[in-house]
Amino acid sequence: MACLSPSQLQKFQEDGFLVLEGFLSADECEVMQQRIGEIVAKMDVPLHSRTEFSTQEEEQLRAQGSTDYFLSSGDKIRFFFEKGVFDKQGNFLVPPEKSINKIGHALHAHDPVFRRATHSPKVQALARSLGLQMPVVVQSMYIFKQPHFGGEVTPHQDASFLYTEPLGRVLGLWIALEDAMLENGCLWFIPGSHTGGVSRRMVRAPGGLAPGTSFLGSEPTRDNSLFVPTPVLRGALILIHGEVVHKSERNFSDRSRHAYTFHLMEAAGTVWSPDNWSSRELWTILLGRSALRELNQIEAELNKHWQRLLEGLSYYKPPRWGN
C-alpha cells in the first residue's frame, strides 16, 4: 500500500509537493501506454474542433477559452494538440499520433483502464493517509510531451483553474509513465509556494458570452532561481498541492515524456466554484456542495445532465474509500 509516513507527510506540507518513486510498476505503466495508443488510433477530431493547447495566457484564452470543444470537455475524452501541427485548413503537418499535447479531461470516468488506475487500492490508501474524507476526481489528463516540440508549461498553480472555497482542497497526482528527466521536460517546483494564496483565476464567462473564459488577476514574474527541477523515473508519482507553483520546459530531446495526471478534491466542507472553466455542477449538487442556491438554477442543471447520470449509473461502481 502507498500510505505516507509522518516524515513524508511533513515534507509534503512544507514543500507543497512530494515524490513517491516506484508507485507504479513498469507493467502498470505499460498497460496505460498501450491503452492510450488504442485511443489515439481511433482519434477522429473534426477540423473545426482541432484545438492547439497552450499555457501562454493570450493564446490560452483565444484557443481554448473561446471554443466549446475545450469548455465542454470536463466530462469527456477529447484531444488537444501542440502548436504548429496544423496548416491553415486544419490538416496535420505531422503524423497525427505525434501531434497531440494531451487527452482530457475524463479518462477516469469513461475508460476502464484509466478508471482502475485512478481508483486503485494504492491511490485509495494514499488518499486516506493524506486525511481525505470524501475525495472526488475532478479531472484527468494524459500528457504526451512529444519529442522535439512538446510544449512548455509556464509557471502556474492548479487552483487557478480548479478553484474551491476554502482553498487547499485540490490535490494533483502526477504519474510518470516514462522517465521524466531534465532533457525531456521534467517538472519544476518552487518549494513552499503553496502558502501564499492564488495569484490569478481562470473564470467562465456568464451566459455563454464570448470569449468563454477570462483571467482574474495575473501571474507574477517568478525568479527562475527559485525553481527546483524534479526528475523522476518511470512509475514515480508526484503529489502536487493545488497552490504550489510549478512548470515544465519544452521537450527538445528525441524522447517523449508520457504522464497520467488527475486531480482530487476534498468534497467534505468544500464548495466548487461555479466560475471554474469546467462546470461540474451535477456532482456538486448531488454532494450538497454546490455554490448554486436558486432552485430554478439547480433544476435546470439537473435536467441538463439527467440522461448522462442515468447512463453513468448503469455501469458505475463507486470506489471503496473506507477501510
Protein backbone atom coordinates (compact mmCIF):
# COMPACT_ATOMS: atom_id res chain seq x y z
CA MET A 1 0.00 0.00 0.00
CA ALA A 2 1.06 3.59 -0.58
CA CYS A 3 0.48 5.17 2.82
CA LEU A 4 2.64 8.19 3.64
CA SER A 5 4.96 8.10 6.61
CA PRO A 6 4.82 11.01 9.11
CA SER A 7 8.09 12.39 7.66
CA GLN A 8 6.73 12.23 4.09
CA LEU A 9 3.52 13.95 5.14
CA GLN A 10 5.52 16.69 6.87
CA LYS A 11 7.70 17.21 3.79
CA PHE A 12 4.61 17.49 1.57
CA GLN A 13 3.07 20.02 3.94
CA GLU A 14 6.29 22.07 3.95
CA ASP A 15 7.16 21.94 0.23
CA GLY A 16 3.75 21.57 -1.43
CA PHE A 17 4.91 18.58 -3.47
CA LEU A 18 6.30 15.12 -2.79
CA VAL A 19 7.94 12.46 -4.97
CA LEU A 20 6.95 8.82 -4.43
CA GLU A 21 9.32 6.71 -6.53
CA GLY A 22 8.12 3.31 -7.73
CA PHE A 23 4.43 3.99 -7.17
CA LEU A 24 3.59 2.00 -10.31
CA SER A 25 5.42 -0.95 -11.80
CA ALA A 26 6.73 -0.96 -15.36
CA ASP A 27 3.90 -3.35 -16.29
CA GLU A 28 1.26 -0.99 -14.86
CA CYS A 29 2.74 1.90 -16.85
CA GLU A 30 2.80 -0.21 -20.00
CA VAL A 31 -0.91 -1.07 -19.66
CA MET A 32 -1.84 2.63 -19.68
CA GLN A 33 0.52 3.42 -22.57
CA GLN A 34 -0.90 0.59 -24.65
CA ARG A 35 -4.45 1.73 -23.92
CA ILE A 36 -3.72 5.33 -24.88
CA GLY A 37 -2.23 4.06 -28.13
CA GLU A 38 -5.53 2.35 -28.89
CA ILE A 39 -7.47 5.53 -28.09
CA VAL A 40 -5.19 7.61 -30.32
CA ALA A 41 -5.53 5.12 -33.17
CA LYS A 42 -9.29 5.71 -33.15
CA MET A 43 -8.98 9.51 -32.86
CA ASP A 44 -11.41 11.40 -35.07
CA VAL A 45 -11.45 15.14 -34.39
CA PRO A 46 -13.40 17.33 -36.87
CA LEU A 47 -11.46 20.15 -38.49
CA HIS A 48 -13.41 22.85 -36.64
CA SER A 49 -12.63 21.24 -33.27
CA ARG A 50 -8.87 20.89 -33.65
CA THR A 51 -7.61 22.97 -30.73
CA GLU A 52 -3.97 23.81 -30.06
CA PHE A 53 -3.16 23.68 -26.36
CA SER A 54 -1.12 26.45 -24.79
CA THR A 55 -0.39 27.81 -21.32
CA GLN A 56 0.53 31.28 -22.61
CA GLU A 57 -2.33 33.43 -21.31
CA GLU A 58 -3.39 35.19 -24.53
CA GLU A 59 -3.10 32.02 -26.59
CA GLN A 60 -4.92 30.08 -23.90
CA LEU A 61 -7.92 32.40 -23.92
CA ARG A 62 -8.03 32.53 -27.70
CA ALA A 63 -7.51 28.85 -28.48
CA GLN A 64 -9.19 27.10 -25.53
CA GLY A 65 -11.30 29.64 -23.72
CA SER A 66 -13.32 30.53 -26.81
CA THR A 67 -14.11 27.02 -28.05
CA ASP A 68 -16.89 24.77 -26.83
CA TYR A 69 -14.75 21.73 -27.67
CA PHE A 70 -12.49 22.66 -24.73
CA LEU A 71 -15.08 24.16 -22.41
CA SER A 72 -17.35 21.12 -22.60
CA SER A 73 -14.53 18.59 -22.18
CA GLY A 74 -14.79 18.23 -18.42
CA ASP A 75 -16.85 15.05 -18.68
CA LYS A 76 -15.48 13.73 -21.98
CA ILE A 77 -12.37 12.26 -23.60
CA ARG A 78 -11.05 14.88 -26.00
CA PHE A 79 -7.82 15.61 -27.87
CA PHE A 80 -5.73 18.78 -27.69
CA PHE A 81 -2.78 19.45 -29.93
CA GLU A 82 0.66 21.03 -29.94
CA LYS A 83 1.18 24.41 -31.56
CA GLY A 84 2.22 24.41 -35.20
CA VAL A 85 0.98 20.93 -36.12
CA PHE A 86 -1.81 22.14 -38.47
CA ASP A 87 -1.80 24.03 -41.74
CA LYS A 88 -4.23 26.93 -42.31
CA GLN A 89 -7.01 24.50 -43.25
CA GLY A 90 -6.54 22.44 -40.09
CA ASN A 91 -4.82 19.49 -41.76
CA PHE A 92 -1.99 17.72 -39.95
CA LEU A 93 1.57 18.73 -40.80
CA VAL A 94 3.00 15.86 -38.71
CA PRO A 95 1.75 12.31 -38.09
CA PRO A 96 -1.44 12.64 -36.01
CA GLU A 97 -0.10 10.47 -33.18
CA LYS A 98 2.88 12.85 -32.85
CA SER A 99 0.70 15.98 -32.80
CA ILE A 100 -1.16 15.50 -29.51
CA ASN A 101 -0.32 17.61 -26.47
CA LYS A 102 -2.80 15.93 -24.13
CA ILE A 103 -6.03 13.96 -23.87
CA GLY A 104 -8.54 15.11 -21.25
CA HIS A 105 -10.48 15.58 -19.12
CA ALA A 106 -12.47 12.49 -18.06
CA LEU A 107 -10.42 9.40 -18.90
CA HIS A 108 -11.03 8.33 -15.30
CA ALA A 109 -14.78 8.28 -15.88
CA HIS A 110 -15.10 6.76 -19.35
CA ASP A 111 -12.19 4.39 -19.88
CA PRO A 112 -11.92 1.21 -17.78
CA VAL A 113 -8.11 1.11 -17.80
CA PHE A 114 -7.78 4.66 -16.50
CA ARG A 115 -10.72 4.25 -14.15
CA ARG A 116 -8.98 1.30 -12.49
CA ALA A 117 -5.69 3.20 -12.24
CA THR A 118 -7.39 6.26 -10.75
CA HIS A 119 -9.37 4.30 -8.15
CA SER A 120 -6.74 1.66 -7.41
CA PRO A 121 -6.18 0.40 -3.85
CA LYS A 122 -2.83 2.23 -3.86
CA VAL A 123 -4.48 5.55 -4.68
CA GLN A 124 -7.17 4.92 -2.07
CA ALA A 125 -4.56 4.20 0.59
CA LEU A 126 -2.65 7.33 -0.37
CA ALA A 127 -5.81 9.44 -0.13
CA ARG A 128 -6.59 8.04 3.31
CA SER A 129 -3.07 8.73 4.57
CA LEU A 130 -3.50 12.35 3.44
CA GLY A 131 -6.62 12.59 5.59
CA LEU A 132 -9.11 12.93 2.73
CA GLN A 133 -12.64 12.10 3.87
CA MET A 134 -14.68 12.49 0.67
CA PRO A 135 -12.28 12.59 -2.30
CA VAL A 136 -13.80 13.34 -5.70
CA VAL A 137 -11.93 13.13 -9.01
CA VAL A 138 -12.48 16.45 -10.81
CA GLN A 139 -10.41 15.87 -13.96
CA SER A 140 -7.83 13.59 -15.56
CA MET A 141 -5.34 14.03 -18.40
CA TYR A 142 -2.83 12.00 -20.38
CA ILE A 143 0.10 14.25 -21.29
CA PHE A 144 2.46 13.32 -24.15
CA LYS A 145 5.28 15.92 -24.10
CA GLN A 146 6.18 14.97 -27.66
CA PRO A 147 9.83 14.66 -28.76
CA HIS A 148 11.44 17.82 -30.18
CA PHE A 149 8.43 20.15 -29.77
CA GLY A 150 6.43 19.08 -26.70
CA GLY A 151 5.27 22.45 -25.41
CA GLU A 152 6.47 24.44 -22.43
CA VAL A 153 4.06 24.68 -19.50
CA THR A 154 4.52 28.12 -17.95
CA PRO A 155 4.59 28.67 -14.16
CA HIS A 156 1.12 28.23 -12.70
CA GLN A 157 -0.98 26.98 -9.79
CA ASP A 158 -3.56 24.27 -10.44
CA ALA A 159 -6.06 26.07 -8.20
CA SER A 160 -6.13 28.90 -10.73
CA PHE A 161 -8.20 26.56 -12.89
CA LEU A 162 -9.74 24.33 -10.19
CA TYR A 163 -10.80 26.89 -7.61
CA THR A 164 -12.51 25.94 -4.37
CA GLU A 165 -13.67 27.61 -1.20
CA PRO A 166 -11.85 27.23 1.06
CA LEU A 167 -8.55 26.86 -0.76
CA GLY A 168 -6.27 23.90 -0.11
CA ARG A 169 -8.82 21.26 -1.15
CA VAL A 170 -7.36 20.25 -4.54
CA LEU A 171 -4.55 17.75 -4.94
CA GLY A 172 -2.80 16.67 -8.14
CA LEU A 173 -1.43 13.15 -8.64
CA TRP A 174 1.09 13.15 -11.50
CA ILE A 175 2.36 9.72 -12.60
CA ALA A 176 5.40 9.36 -14.84
CA LEU A 177 4.72 6.66 -17.44
CA GLU A 178 8.17 7.30 -18.91
CA ASP A 179 11.33 8.69 -17.34
CA ALA A 180 10.92 12.44 -16.85
CA MET A 181 14.38 13.99 -16.97
CA LEU A 182 15.78 17.48 -17.49
CA GLU A 183 16.27 16.75 -21.17
CA ASN A 184 12.65 15.80 -21.94
CA GLY A 185 10.77 18.24 -19.74
CA CYS A 186 10.53 17.14 -16.11
CA LEU A 187 8.51 19.17 -13.62
CA TRP A 188 10.00 22.11 -11.69
CA PHE A 189 8.61 23.46 -8.40
CA ILE A 190 9.06 26.42 -6.07
CA PRO A 191 9.14 24.69 -2.67
CA GLY A 192 6.82 26.29 -0.12
CA SER A 193 4.98 28.43 -2.68
CA HIS A 194 1.63 26.85 -1.77
CA THR A 195 1.17 29.07 1.29
CA GLY A 196 0.60 32.44 -0.39
CA GLY A 197 -2.85 32.02 -1.93
CA VAL A 198 -3.78 32.08 -5.62
CA SER A 199 -2.45 34.87 -7.83
CA ARG A 200 -4.95 34.51 -10.70
CA ARG A 201 -8.06 32.58 -11.68
CA MET A 202 -9.44 31.38 -14.98
CA VAL A 203 -13.20 32.02 -14.81
CA ARG A 204 -16.01 31.08 -17.15
CA ALA A 205 -17.97 33.89 -18.78
CA PRO A 206 -21.62 34.07 -17.70
CA GLY A 207 -24.41 33.12 -20.06
CA GLY A 208 -22.25 31.78 -22.86
CA LEU A 209 -20.65 35.15 -23.63
CA ALA A 210 -17.57 35.26 -25.86
CA PRO A 211 -14.79 34.71 -25.14
CA GLY A 212 -15.83 31.79 -22.95
CA THR A 213 -13.23 32.43 -20.24
CA SER A 214 -11.09 35.21 -18.82
CA PHE A 215 -8.47 35.62 -16.12
CA LEU A 216 -8.89 37.47 -12.84
CA GLY A 217 -5.55 38.71 -11.53
CA SER A 218 -2.23 37.95 -13.17
CA GLU A 219 0.65 35.55 -12.79
CA PRO A 220 3.56 37.42 -11.19
CA THR A 221 7.04 37.27 -12.63
CA ARG A 222 8.85 34.44 -10.87
CA ASP A 223 12.55 34.30 -10.05
CA ASN A 224 13.79 31.29 -12.05
CA SER A 225 16.41 30.57 -9.39
CA LEU A 226 13.59 29.59 -7.00
CA PHE A 227 12.51 26.65 -9.15
CA VAL A 228 13.84 23.19 -8.27
CA PRO A 229 13.96 20.52 -11.01
CA THR A 230 12.26 17.26 -10.09
CA PRO A 231 13.41 14.48 -12.43
CA VAL A 232 11.80 11.10 -11.76
CA LEU A 233 11.92 7.59 -13.18
CA ARG A 234 9.09 5.74 -14.85
CA GLY A 235 6.44 4.72 -12.32
CA ALA A 236 7.04 7.60 -9.90
CA LEU A 237 4.12 9.63 -8.57
CA ILE A 238 4.40 13.31 -7.66
CA LEU A 239 1.86 14.72 -5.23
CA ILE A 240 1.09 18.34 -6.15
CA HIS A 241 -0.66 20.76 -3.79
CA GLY A 242 -3.25 22.81 -5.66
CA GLU A 243 -1.47 26.07 -4.89
CA VAL A 244 2.19 25.16 -5.35
CA VAL A 245 3.83 26.96 -8.28
CA HIS A 246 5.25 24.60 -10.90
CA LYS A 247 6.21 24.45 -14.57
CA SER A 248 7.89 22.30 -17.20
CA GLU A 249 10.18 23.26 -20.07
CA ARG A 250 9.81 22.43 -23.74
CA ASN A 251 10.98 18.98 -24.75
CA PHE A 252 13.90 19.41 -27.15
CA SER A 253 15.05 15.80 -26.83
CA ASP A 254 14.23 12.84 -29.04
CA ARG A 255 12.31 11.10 -26.22
CA SER A 256 8.69 11.68 -25.25
CA ARG A 257 7.64 12.16 -21.61
CA HIS A 258 4.27 10.49 -21.13
CA ALA A 259 2.41 11.10 -17.87
CA TYR A 260 -1.04 10.41 -16.47
CA THR A 261 -2.34 13.00 -14.06
CA PHE A 262 -5.58 13.54 -12.21
CA HIS A 263 -6.89 15.86 -9.53
CA LEU A 264 -8.73 15.01 -6.35
CA MET A 265 -10.92 17.44 -4.42
CA GLU A 266 -11.83 17.01 -0.78
CA ALA A 267 -15.60 17.40 -1.09
CA ALA A 268 -16.33 17.45 2.63
CA GLY A 269 -16.90 21.08 3.60
CA THR A 270 -15.85 22.35 0.16
CA VAL A 271 -17.61 24.45 -2.48
CA TRP A 272 -16.54 24.00 -6.11
CA SER A 273 -16.62 27.44 -7.72
CA PRO A 274 -19.36 27.77 -10.37
CA ASP A 275 -16.99 30.14 -12.20
CA ASN A 276 -14.48 27.36 -12.93
CA TRP A 277 -13.96 26.60 -16.62
CA SER A 278 -15.06 23.01 -16.03
CA SER A 279 -18.67 23.10 -14.90
CA ARG A 280 -19.10 20.16 -12.57
CA GLU A 281 -22.34 21.35 -11.02
CA LEU A 282 -24.08 17.99 -11.33
CA TRP A 283 -22.00 16.16 -8.79
CA THR A 284 -21.59 19.16 -6.51
CA ILE A 285 -25.40 19.38 -6.33
CA LEU A 286 -25.65 15.68 -5.56
CA LEU A 287 -23.00 16.03 -2.85
CA GLY A 288 -24.74 19.06 -1.38
CA ARG A 289 -21.64 21.18 -2.14
CA SER A 290 -22.90 23.32 -4.99
CA ALA A 291 -22.47 27.07 -4.97
CA LEU A 292 -25.83 27.35 -6.78
CA ARG A 293 -28.57 28.47 -4.45
CA GLU A 294 -31.57 29.32 -6.67
CA LEU A 295 -33.94 26.36 -7.08
CA ASN A 296 -34.57 27.12 -10.75
CA GLN A 297 -30.81 27.07 -11.43
CA ILE A 298 -30.41 23.73 -9.67
CA GLU A 299 -33.40 22.26 -11.51
CA ALA A 300 -32.03 23.40 -14.87
CA GLU A 301 -28.62 21.89 -14.14
CA LEU A 302 -30.12 18.56 -13.09
CA ASN A 303 -32.36 18.41 -16.16
CA LYS A 304 -29.38 19.12 -18.42
CA HIS A 305 -27.39 16.19 -17.04
CA TRP A 306 -30.16 13.74 -16.13
CA GLN A 307 -29.76 11.39 -19.09
CA ARG A 308 -25.99 11.28 -18.68
CA LEU A 309 -26.43 10.50 -14.99
CA LEU A 310 -28.70 7.54 -15.79
CA GLU A 311 -26.25 6.25 -18.38
CA GLY A 312 -23.40 6.52 -15.92
CA LEU A 313 -25.25 4.69 -13.15
CA SER A 314 -25.76 1.74 -15.47
CA TYR A 315 -22.06 0.78 -15.27
CA TYR A 316 -20.51 2.76 -12.44
CA LYS A 317 -19.41 1.17 -9.20
CA PRO A 318 -18.33 3.70 -6.56
CA PRO A 319 -14.80 3.06 -5.32
CA ARG A 320 -14.49 1.94 -1.71
CA TRP A 321 -12.56 4.66 0.09
CA GLY A 322 -13.19 3.25 3.54
CA ASN A 323 -11.10 0.78 5.47
